[in-house]
PDB file of N, CA and C in Angstrom:
ATOM      1  N   MET A   1      -6.023   4.602 -20.834  1.00  0.00           N
ATOM      2  CA  MET A   1      -5.187   4.025 -19.784  1.00  0.00           C
ATOM      3  C   MET A   1      -4.377   5.140 -19.110  1.00  0.00           C
ATOM      4  N   GLU A   2      -4.284   5.042 -17.811  1.00  0.00           N
ATOM      5  CA  GLU A   2      -3.550   6.057 -17.057  1.00  0.00           C
ATOM      6  C   GLU A   2      -2.055   5.934 -17.327  1.00  0.00           C
ATOM      7  N   ASN A   3      -1.404   7.068 -17.504  1.00  0.00           N
ATOM      8  CA  ASN A   3       0.032   7.005 -17.715  1.00  0.00           C
ATOM      9  C   ASN A   3       0.761   6.938 -16.366  1.00  0.00           C
ATOM     10  N   ASP A   4       2.053   6.692 -16.451  1.00  0.00           N
ATOM     11  CA  ASP A   4       2.858   6.490 -15.245  1.00  0.00           C
ATOM     12  C   ASP A   4       2.798   7.670 -14.282  1.00  0.00           C
ATOM     13  N   SER A   5       2.790   8.890 -14.811  1.00  0.00           N
ATOM     14  CA  SER A   5       2.805  10.054 -13.922  1.00  0.00           C
ATOM     15  C   SER A   5       1.474  10.210 -13.187  1.00  0.00           C
ATOM     16  N   ILE A   6       0.368   9.858 -13.825  1.00  0.00           N
ATOM     17  CA  ILE A   6      -0.933   9.922 -13.149  1.00  0.00           C
ATOM     18  C   ILE A   6      -1.011   8.861 -12.058  1.00  0.00           C
ATOM     19  N   ILE A   7      -0.545   7.671 -12.369  1.00  0.00           N
ATOM     20  CA  ILE A   7      -0.524   6.597 -11.366  1.00  0.00           C
ATOM     21  C   ILE A   7       0.309   7.027 -10.170  1.00  0.00           C
ATOM     22  N   LYS A   8       1.496   7.539 -10.439  1.00  0.00           N
ATOM     23  CA  LYS A   8       2.391   7.951  -9.358  1.00  0.00           C
ATOM     24  C   LYS A   8       1.760   9.048  -8.510  1.00  0.00           C
ATOM     25  N   GLU A   9       1.118  10.012  -9.144  1.00  0.00           N
ATOM     26  CA  GLU A   9       0.483  11.111  -8.418  1.00  0.00           C
ATOM     27  C   GLU A   9      -0.630  10.598  -7.507  1.00  0.00           C
ATOM     28  N   LYS A  10      -1.439   9.670  -8.002  1.00  0.00           N
ATOM     29  CA  LYS A  10      -2.524   9.101  -7.183  1.00  0.00           C
ATOM     30  C   LYS A  10      -1.966   8.310  -6.004  1.00  0.00           C
ATOM     31  N   VAL A  11      -0.918   7.513  -6.253  1.00  0.00           N
ATOM     32  CA  VAL A  11      -0.290   6.736  -5.179  1.00  0.00           C
ATOM     33  C   VAL A  11       0.300   7.677  -4.141  1.00  0.00           C
ATOM     34  N   LYS A  12       1.007   8.690  -4.601  1.00  0.00           N
ATOM     35  CA  LYS A  12       1.647   9.646  -3.688  1.00  0.00           C
ATOM     36  C   LYS A  12       0.601  10.374  -2.836  1.00  0.00           C
ATOM     37  N   ASN A  13      -0.465  10.839  -3.470  1.00  0.00           N
ATOM     38  CA  ASN A  13      -1.523  11.521  -2.727  1.00  0.00           C
ATOM     39  C   ASN A  13      -2.137  10.604  -1.672  1.00  0.00           C
ATOM     40  N   TYR A  14      -2.350   9.339  -2.034  1.00  0.00           N
ATOM     41  CA  TYR A  14      -2.913   8.390  -1.068  1.00  0.00           C
ATOM     42  C   TYR A  14      -1.968   8.214   0.120  1.00  0.00           C
ATOM     43  N   VAL A  15      -0.705   7.954  -0.152  1.00  0.00           N
ATOM     44  CA  VAL A  15       0.267   7.724   0.922  1.00  0.00           C
ATOM     45  C   VAL A  15       0.353   8.943   1.832  1.00  0.00           C
ATOM     46  N   LEU A  16       0.437  10.122   1.245  1.00  0.00           N
ATOM     47  CA  LEU A  16       0.571  11.334   2.052  1.00  0.00           C
ATOM     48  C   LEU A  16      -0.665  11.591   2.913  1.00  0.00           C
ATOM     49  N   GLN A  17      -1.845  11.259   2.417  1.00  0.00           N
ATOM     50  CA  GLN A  17      -3.035  11.477   3.234  1.00  0.00           C
ATOM     51  C   GLN A  17      -3.237  10.371   4.264  1.00  0.00           C
ATOM     52  N   ALA A  18      -2.614   9.215   4.050  1.00  0.00           N
ATOM     53  CA  ALA A  18      -2.807   8.074   4.951  1.00  0.00           C
ATOM     54  C   ALA A  18      -1.861   8.078   6.154  1.00  0.00           C
ATOM     55  N   VAL A  19      -0.779   8.830   6.079  1.00  0.00           N
ATOM     56  CA  VAL A  19       0.198   8.803   7.172  1.00  0.00           C
ATOM     57  C   VAL A  19       0.005   9.984   8.108  1.00  0.00           C
ATOM     58  N   TYR A  20       0.376   9.759   9.345  1.00  0.00           N
ATOM     59  CA  TYR A  20       0.321  10.815  10.356  1.00  0.00           C
ATOM     60  C   TYR A  20       1.734  11.283  10.640  1.00  0.00           C
ATOM     61  N   ALA A  21       2.306  11.951   9.655  1.00  0.00           N
ATOM     62  CA  ALA A  21       3.693  12.392   9.777  1.00  0.00           C
ATOM     63  C   ALA A  21       3.874  13.659   8.957  1.00  0.00           C
ATOM     64  N   ASP A  22       5.008  14.280   9.136  1.00  0.00           N
ATOM     65  CA  ASP A  22       5.359  15.458   8.365  1.00  0.00           C
ATOM     66  C   ASP A  22       5.453  15.063   6.893  1.00  0.00           C
ATOM     67  N   LYS A  23       4.570  15.602   6.090  1.00  0.00           N
ATOM     68  CA  LYS A  23       4.497  15.226   4.669  1.00  0.00           C
ATOM     69  C   LYS A  23       5.795  15.538   3.925  1.00  0.00           C
ATOM     70  N   GLU A  24       6.530  16.506   4.410  1.00  0.00           N
ATOM     71  CA  GLU A  24       7.789  16.877   3.758  1.00  0.00           C
ATOM     72  C   GLU A  24       8.852  15.780   3.883  1.00  0.00           C
ATOM     73  N   LYS A  25       8.698  14.913   4.874  1.00  0.00           N
ATOM     74  CA  LYS A  25       9.696  13.862   5.104  1.00  0.00           C
ATOM     75  C   LYS A  25       9.528  12.686   4.150  1.00  0.00           C
ATOM     76  N   ILE A  26       8.362  12.561   3.532  1.00  0.00           N
ATOM     77  CA  ILE A  26       8.085  11.403   2.684  1.00  0.00           C
ATOM     78  C   ILE A  26       8.341  11.761   1.226  1.00  0.00           C
ATOM     79  N   LYS A  27       9.389  11.176   0.695  1.00  0.00           N
ATOM     80  CA  LYS A  27       9.771  11.381  -0.703  1.00  0.00           C
ATOM     81  C   LYS A  27       9.359  10.148  -1.512  1.00  0.00           C
ATOM     82  N   ASP A  28       9.536  10.210  -2.815  1.00  0.00           N
ATOM     83  CA  ASP A  28       9.160   9.094  -3.680  1.00  0.00           C
ATOM     84  C   ASP A  28       9.955   7.825  -3.386  1.00  0.00           C
ATOM     85  N   VAL A  29      11.134   7.974  -2.800  1.00  0.00           N
ATOM     86  CA  VAL A  29      11.990   6.824  -2.512  1.00  0.00           C
ATOM     87  C   VAL A  29      12.002   6.436  -1.030  1.00  0.00           C
ATOM     88  N   THR A  30      11.247   7.150  -0.203  1.00  0.00           N
ATOM     89  CA  THR A  30      11.202   6.849   1.231  1.00  0.00           C
ATOM     90  C   THR A  30      10.672   5.440   1.451  1.00  0.00           C
ATOM     91  N   LEU A  31      11.349   4.678   2.296  1.00  0.00           N
ATOM     92  CA  LEU A  31      10.919   3.307   2.610  1.00  0.00           C
ATOM     93  C   LEU A  31       9.812   3.395   3.658  1.00  0.00           C
ATOM     94  N   ILE A  32       8.564   3.432   3.175  1.00  0.00           N
ATOM     95  CA  ILE A  32       7.431   3.771   4.036  1.00  0.00           C
ATOM     96  C   ILE A  32       7.143   2.742   5.123  1.00  0.00           C
ATOM     97  N   PHE A  33       7.507   1.493   4.913  1.00  0.00           N
ATOM     98  CA  PHE A  33       7.290   0.484   5.948  1.00  0.00           C
ATOM     99  C   PHE A  33       8.473   0.421   6.902  1.00  0.00           C
ATOM    100  N   LYS A  34       9.688   0.404   6.353  1.00  0.00           N
ATOM    101  CA  LYS A  34      10.882   0.344   7.197  1.00  0.00           C
ATOM    102  C   LYS A  34      11.006   1.561   8.101  1.00  0.00           C
ATOM    103  N   GLU A  35      10.525   2.704   7.632  1.00  0.00           N
ATOM    104  CA  GLU A  35      10.610   3.923   8.434  1.00  0.00           C
ATOM    105  C   GLU A  35       9.381   4.128   9.313  1.00  0.00           C
ATOM    106  N   GLY A  36       8.465   3.152   9.291  1.00  0.00           N
ATOM    107  CA  GLY A  36       7.351   3.164  10.227  1.00  0.00           C
ATOM    108  C   GLY A  36       6.145   4.001   9.849  1.00  0.00           C
ATOM    109  N   TYR A  37       6.059   4.447   8.610  1.00  0.00           N
ATOM    110  CA  TYR A  37       4.893   5.233   8.196  1.00  0.00           C
ATOM    111  C   TYR A  37       3.662   4.358   7.970  1.00  0.00           C
ATOM    112  N   PHE A  38       3.886   3.119   7.572  1.00  0.00           N
ATOM    113  CA  PHE A  38       2.805   2.155   7.352  1.00  0.00           C
ATOM    114  C   PHE A  38       3.069   0.905   8.170  1.00  0.00           C
ATOM    115  N   ASP A  39       1.995   0.286   8.668  1.00  0.00           N
ATOM    116  CA  ASP A  39       2.101  -0.994   9.363  1.00  0.00           C
ATOM    117  C   ASP A  39       1.289  -2.024   8.583  1.00  0.00           C
ATOM    118  N   SER A  40       1.080  -3.198   9.160  1.00  0.00           N
ATOM    119  CA  SER A  40       0.383  -4.262   8.432  1.00  0.00           C
ATOM    120  C   SER A  40      -1.062  -3.880   8.111  1.00  0.00           C
ATOM    121  N   MET A  41      -1.735  -3.187   9.014  1.00  0.00           N
ATOM    122  CA  MET A  41      -3.104  -2.760   8.742  1.00  0.00           C
ATOM    123  C   MET A  41      -3.107  -1.706   7.625  1.00  0.00           C
ATOM    124  N   GLY A  42      -2.173  -0.799   7.683  1.00  0.00           N
ATOM    125  CA  GLY A  42      -2.045   0.195   6.628  1.00  0.00           C
ATOM    126  C   GLY A  42      -1.765  -0.448   5.283  1.00  0.00           C
ATOM    127  N   PHE A  43      -1.016  -1.543   5.308  1.00  0.00           N
ATOM    128  CA  PHE A  43      -0.708  -2.278   4.084  1.00  0.00           C
ATOM    129  C   PHE A  43      -1.972  -2.870   3.472  1.00  0.00           C
ATOM    130  N   MET A  44      -2.816  -3.460   4.300  1.00  0.00           N
ATOM    131  CA  MET A  44      -4.055  -4.059   3.796  1.00  0.00           C
ATOM    132  C   MET A  44      -4.969  -2.988   3.192  1.00  0.00           C
ATOM    133  N   VAL A  45      -5.039  -1.837   3.834  1.00  0.00           N
ATOM    134  CA  VAL A  45      -5.858  -0.745   3.318  1.00  0.00           C
ATOM    135  C   VAL A  45      -5.254  -0.214   2.008  1.00  0.00           C
ATOM    136  N   LEU A  46      -3.931  -0.156   1.943  1.00  0.00           N
ATOM    137  CA  LEU A  46      -3.246   0.258   0.718  1.00  0.00           C
ATOM    138  C   LEU A  46      -3.594  -0.678  -0.435  1.00  0.00           C
ATOM    139  N   ILE A  47      -3.548  -1.983  -0.188  1.00  0.00           N
ATOM    140  CA  ILE A  47      -3.882  -2.968  -1.226  1.00  0.00           C
ATOM    141  C   ILE A  47      -5.312  -2.744  -1.720  1.00  0.00           C
ATOM    142  N   SER A  48      -6.232  -2.550  -0.794  1.00  0.00           N
ATOM    143  CA  SER A  48      -7.633  -2.299  -1.169  1.00  0.00           C
ATOM    144  C   SER A  48      -7.749  -1.046  -2.037  1.00  0.00           C
ATOM    145  N   PHE A  49      -7.056   0.006  -1.631  1.00  0.00           N
ATOM    146  CA  PHE A  49      -7.060   1.245  -2.407  1.00  0.00           C
ATOM    147  C   PHE A  49      -6.549   1.003  -3.826  1.00  0.00           C
ATOM    148  N   LEU A  50      -5.417   0.318  -3.947  1.00  0.00           N
ATOM    149  CA  LEU A  50      -4.822   0.079  -5.267  1.00  0.00           C
ATOM    150  C   LEU A  50      -5.759  -0.724  -6.157  1.00  0.00           C
ATOM    151  N   GLU A  51      -6.378  -1.760  -5.580  1.00  0.00           N
ATOM    152  CA  GLU A  51      -7.286  -2.603  -6.368  1.00  0.00           C
ATOM    153  C   GLU A  51      -8.506  -1.813  -6.839  1.00  0.00           C
ATOM    154  N   GLU A  52      -9.065  -1.006  -5.963  1.00  0.00           N
ATOM    155  CA  GLU A  52     -10.253  -0.223  -6.326  1.00  0.00           C
ATOM    156  C   GLU A  52      -9.913   0.928  -7.267  1.00  0.00           C
ATOM    157  N   GLU A  53      -8.866   1.656  -6.947  1.00  0.00           N
ATOM    158  CA  GLU A  53      -8.512   2.856  -7.725  1.00  0.00           C
ATOM    159  C   GLU A  53      -8.043   2.514  -9.136  1.00  0.00           C
ATOM    160  N   PHE A  54      -7.266   1.432  -9.266  1.00  0.00           N
ATOM    161  CA  PHE A  54      -6.629   1.135 -10.542  1.00  0.00           C
ATOM    162  C   PHE A  54      -7.203  -0.099 -11.237  1.00  0.00           C
ATOM    163  N   GLY A  55      -8.180  -0.752 -10.624  1.00  0.00           N
ATOM    164  CA  GLY A  55      -8.808  -1.907 -11.257  1.00  0.00           C
ATOM    165  C   GLY A  55      -7.875  -3.083 -11.442  1.00  0.00           C
ATOM    166  N   ILE A  56      -6.983  -3.268 -10.474  1.00  0.00           N
ATOM    167  CA  ILE A  56      -6.051  -4.403 -10.550  1.00  0.00           C
ATOM    168  C   ILE A  56      -6.419  -5.422  -9.485  1.00  0.00           C
ATOM    169  N   LYS A  57      -5.890  -6.623  -9.628  1.00  0.00           N
ATOM    170  CA  LYS A  57      -6.091  -7.672  -8.627  1.00  0.00           C
ATOM    171  C   LYS A  57      -4.719  -8.075  -8.117  1.00  0.00           C
ATOM    172  N   THR A  58      -4.557  -8.031  -6.809  1.00  0.00           N
ATOM    173  CA  THR A  58      -3.287  -8.396  -6.186  1.00  0.00           C
ATOM    174  C   THR A  58      -3.385  -9.832  -5.700  1.00  0.00           C
ATOM    175  N   ASN A  59      -2.416 -10.657  -6.083  1.00  0.00           N
ATOM    176  CA  ASN A  59      -2.417 -12.041  -5.595  1.00  0.00           C
ATOM    177  C   ASN A  59      -1.239 -12.267  -4.651  1.00  0.00           C
ATOM    178  N   ASP A  60      -1.200 -13.431  -4.047  1.00  0.00           N
ATOM    179  CA  ASP A  60      -0.169 -13.726  -3.041  1.00  0.00           C
ATOM    180  C   ASP A  60       1.249 -13.547  -3.580  1.00  0.00           C
ATOM    181  N   ASN A  61       1.457 -13.862  -4.847  1.00  0.00           N
ATOM    182  CA  ASN A  61       2.795 -13.729  -5.435  1.00  0.00           C
ATOM    183  C   ASN A  61       3.247 -12.269  -5.536  1.00  0.00           C
ATOM    184  N   ASP A  62       2.288 -11.351  -5.501  1.00  0.00           N
ATOM    185  CA  ASP A  62       2.609  -9.923  -5.590  1.00  0.00           C
ATOM    186  C   ASP A  62       3.046  -9.334  -4.254  1.00  0.00           C
ATOM    187  N   LEU A  63       2.754 -10.013  -3.165  1.00  0.00           N
ATOM    188  CA  LEU A  63       2.970  -9.446  -1.835  1.00  0.00           C
ATOM    189  C   LEU A  63       4.430  -9.542  -1.411  1.00  0.00           C
ATOM    190  N   LEU A  64       5.267  -8.890  -2.176  1.00  0.00           N
ATOM    191  CA  LEU A  64       6.701  -8.840  -1.916  1.00  0.00           C
ATOM    192  C   LEU A  64       7.068  -7.433  -1.472  1.00  0.00           C
ATOM    193  N   GLU A  65       7.989  -7.366  -0.537  1.00  0.00           N
ATOM    194  CA  GLU A  65       8.393  -6.064   0.003  1.00  0.00           C
ATOM    195  C   GLU A  65       8.808  -5.090  -1.087  1.00  0.00           C
ATOM    196  N   GLU A  66       9.550  -5.577  -2.080  1.00  0.00           N
ATOM    197  CA  GLU A  66      10.056  -4.666  -3.103  1.00  0.00           C
ATOM    198  C   GLU A  66       8.945  -4.030  -3.956  1.00  0.00           C
ATOM    199  N   ASN A  67       7.749  -4.614  -3.961  1.00  0.00           N
ATOM    200  CA  ASN A  67       6.635  -4.020  -4.707  1.00  0.00           C
ATOM    201  C   ASN A  67       5.980  -2.849  -3.974  1.00  0.00           C
ATOM    202  N   PHE A  68       6.197  -2.751  -2.670  1.00  0.00           N
ATOM    203  CA  PHE A  68       5.450  -1.785  -1.862  1.00  0.00           C
ATOM    204  C   PHE A  68       6.313  -0.935  -0.940  1.00  0.00           C
ATOM    205  N   GLU A  69       7.639  -0.982  -1.101  1.00  0.00           N
ATOM    206  CA  GLU A  69       8.516  -0.333  -0.128  1.00  0.00           C
ATOM    207  C   GLU A  69       8.546   1.185  -0.224  1.00  0.00           C
ATOM    208  N   SER A  70       8.136   1.738  -1.356  1.00  0.00           N
ATOM    209  CA  SER A  70       8.168   3.194  -1.532  1.00  0.00           C
ATOM    210  C   SER A  70       7.091   3.618  -2.522  1.00  0.00           C
ATOM    211  N   ILE A  71       6.893   4.916  -2.645  1.00  0.00           N
ATOM    212  CA  ILE A  71       5.936   5.439  -3.625  1.00  0.00           C
ATOM    213  C   ILE A  71       6.362   5.018  -5.032  1.00  0.00           C
ATOM    214  N   ASN A  72       7.647   5.106  -5.326  1.00  0.00           N
ATOM    215  CA  ASN A  72       8.137   4.674  -6.641  1.00  0.00           C
ATOM    216  C   ASN A  72       7.845   3.203  -6.886  1.00  0.00           C
ATOM    217  N   ALA A  73       8.116   2.352  -5.891  1.00  0.00           N
ATOM    218  CA  ALA A  73       7.907   0.912  -6.044  1.00  0.00           C
ATOM    219  C   ALA A  73       6.433   0.588  -6.247  1.00  0.00           C
ATOM    220  N   ILE A  74       5.565   1.235  -5.486  1.00  0.00           N
ATOM    221  CA  ILE A  74       4.128   0.993  -5.612  1.00  0.00           C
ATOM    222  C   ILE A  74       3.644   1.427  -6.990  1.00  0.00           C
ATOM    223  N   SER A  75       4.088   2.579  -7.442  1.00  0.00           N
ATOM    224  CA  SER A  75       3.697   3.079  -8.768  1.00  0.00           C
ATOM    225  C   SER A  75       4.154   2.126  -9.866  1.00  0.00           C
ATOM    226  N   ASP A  76       5.380   1.643  -9.772  1.00  0.00           N
ATOM    227  CA  ASP A  76       5.904   0.683 -10.754  1.00  0.00           C
ATOM    228  C   ASP A  76       5.095  -0.619 -10.724  1.00  0.00           C
ATOM    229  N   PHE A  77       4.748  -1.070  -9.542  1.00  0.00           N
ATOM    230  CA  PHE A  77       3.936  -2.285  -9.389  1.00  0.00           C
ATOM    231  C   PHE A  77       2.584  -2.118 -10.083  1.00  0.00           C
ATOM    232  N   VAL A  78       1.916  -1.007  -9.841  1.00  0.00           N
ATOM    233  CA  VAL A  78       0.600  -0.754 -10.446  1.00  0.00           C
ATOM    234  C   VAL A  78       0.739  -0.701 -11.967  1.00  0.00           C
ATOM    235  N   THR A  79       1.756  -0.038 -12.456  1.00  0.00           N
ATOM    236  CA  THR A  79       1.983   0.054 -13.906  1.00  0.00           C
ATOM    237  C   THR A  79       2.141  -1.339 -14.509  1.00  0.00           C
ATOM    238  N   ARG A  80       2.934  -2.194 -13.858  1.00  0.00           N
ATOM    239  CA  ARG A  80       3.134  -3.568 -14.362  1.00  0.00           C
ATOM    240  C   ARG A  80       1.818  -4.354 -14.339  1.00  0.00           C
ATOM    241  N   LYS A  81       1.038  -4.207 -13.287  1.00  0.00           N
ATOM    242  CA  LYS A  81      -0.211  -4.955 -13.167  1.00  0.00           C
ATOM    243  C   LYS A  81      -1.237  -4.509 -14.215  1.00  0.00           C
ATOM    244  N   LYS A  82      -1.195  -3.260 -14.621  1.00  0.00           N
ATOM    245  CA  LYS A  82      -2.157  -2.742 -15.582  1.00  0.00           C
ATOM    246  C   LYS A  82      -1.808  -3.119 -17.016  1.00  0.00           C
ATOM    247  N   GLN A  83      -0.596  -3.574 -17.255  1.00  0.00           N
ATOM    248  CA  GLN A  83      -0.165  -3.920 -18.624  1.00  0.00           C
ATOM    249  C   GLN A  83      -0.751  -5.239 -19.073  1.00  0.00           C
TER     250      GLN A  83
END
């Protein structure tokens, strides 16, 4: 099973490669949707990535802002889903 740091690294790498912005501006706590780095289409692609990369299934109850607002939040969400 992947540990938390591996999950976080994969999520961070995905986010940084998916955005068209200065990579230095995006930190682990950056609110990627509120700050405009991701939109609704980017969100759907993110969900697909998480499901494929980590073998998790996202359901409607998971689609809460606090689960996806930052790299830290996404990593924590994936960790919880894998348990």
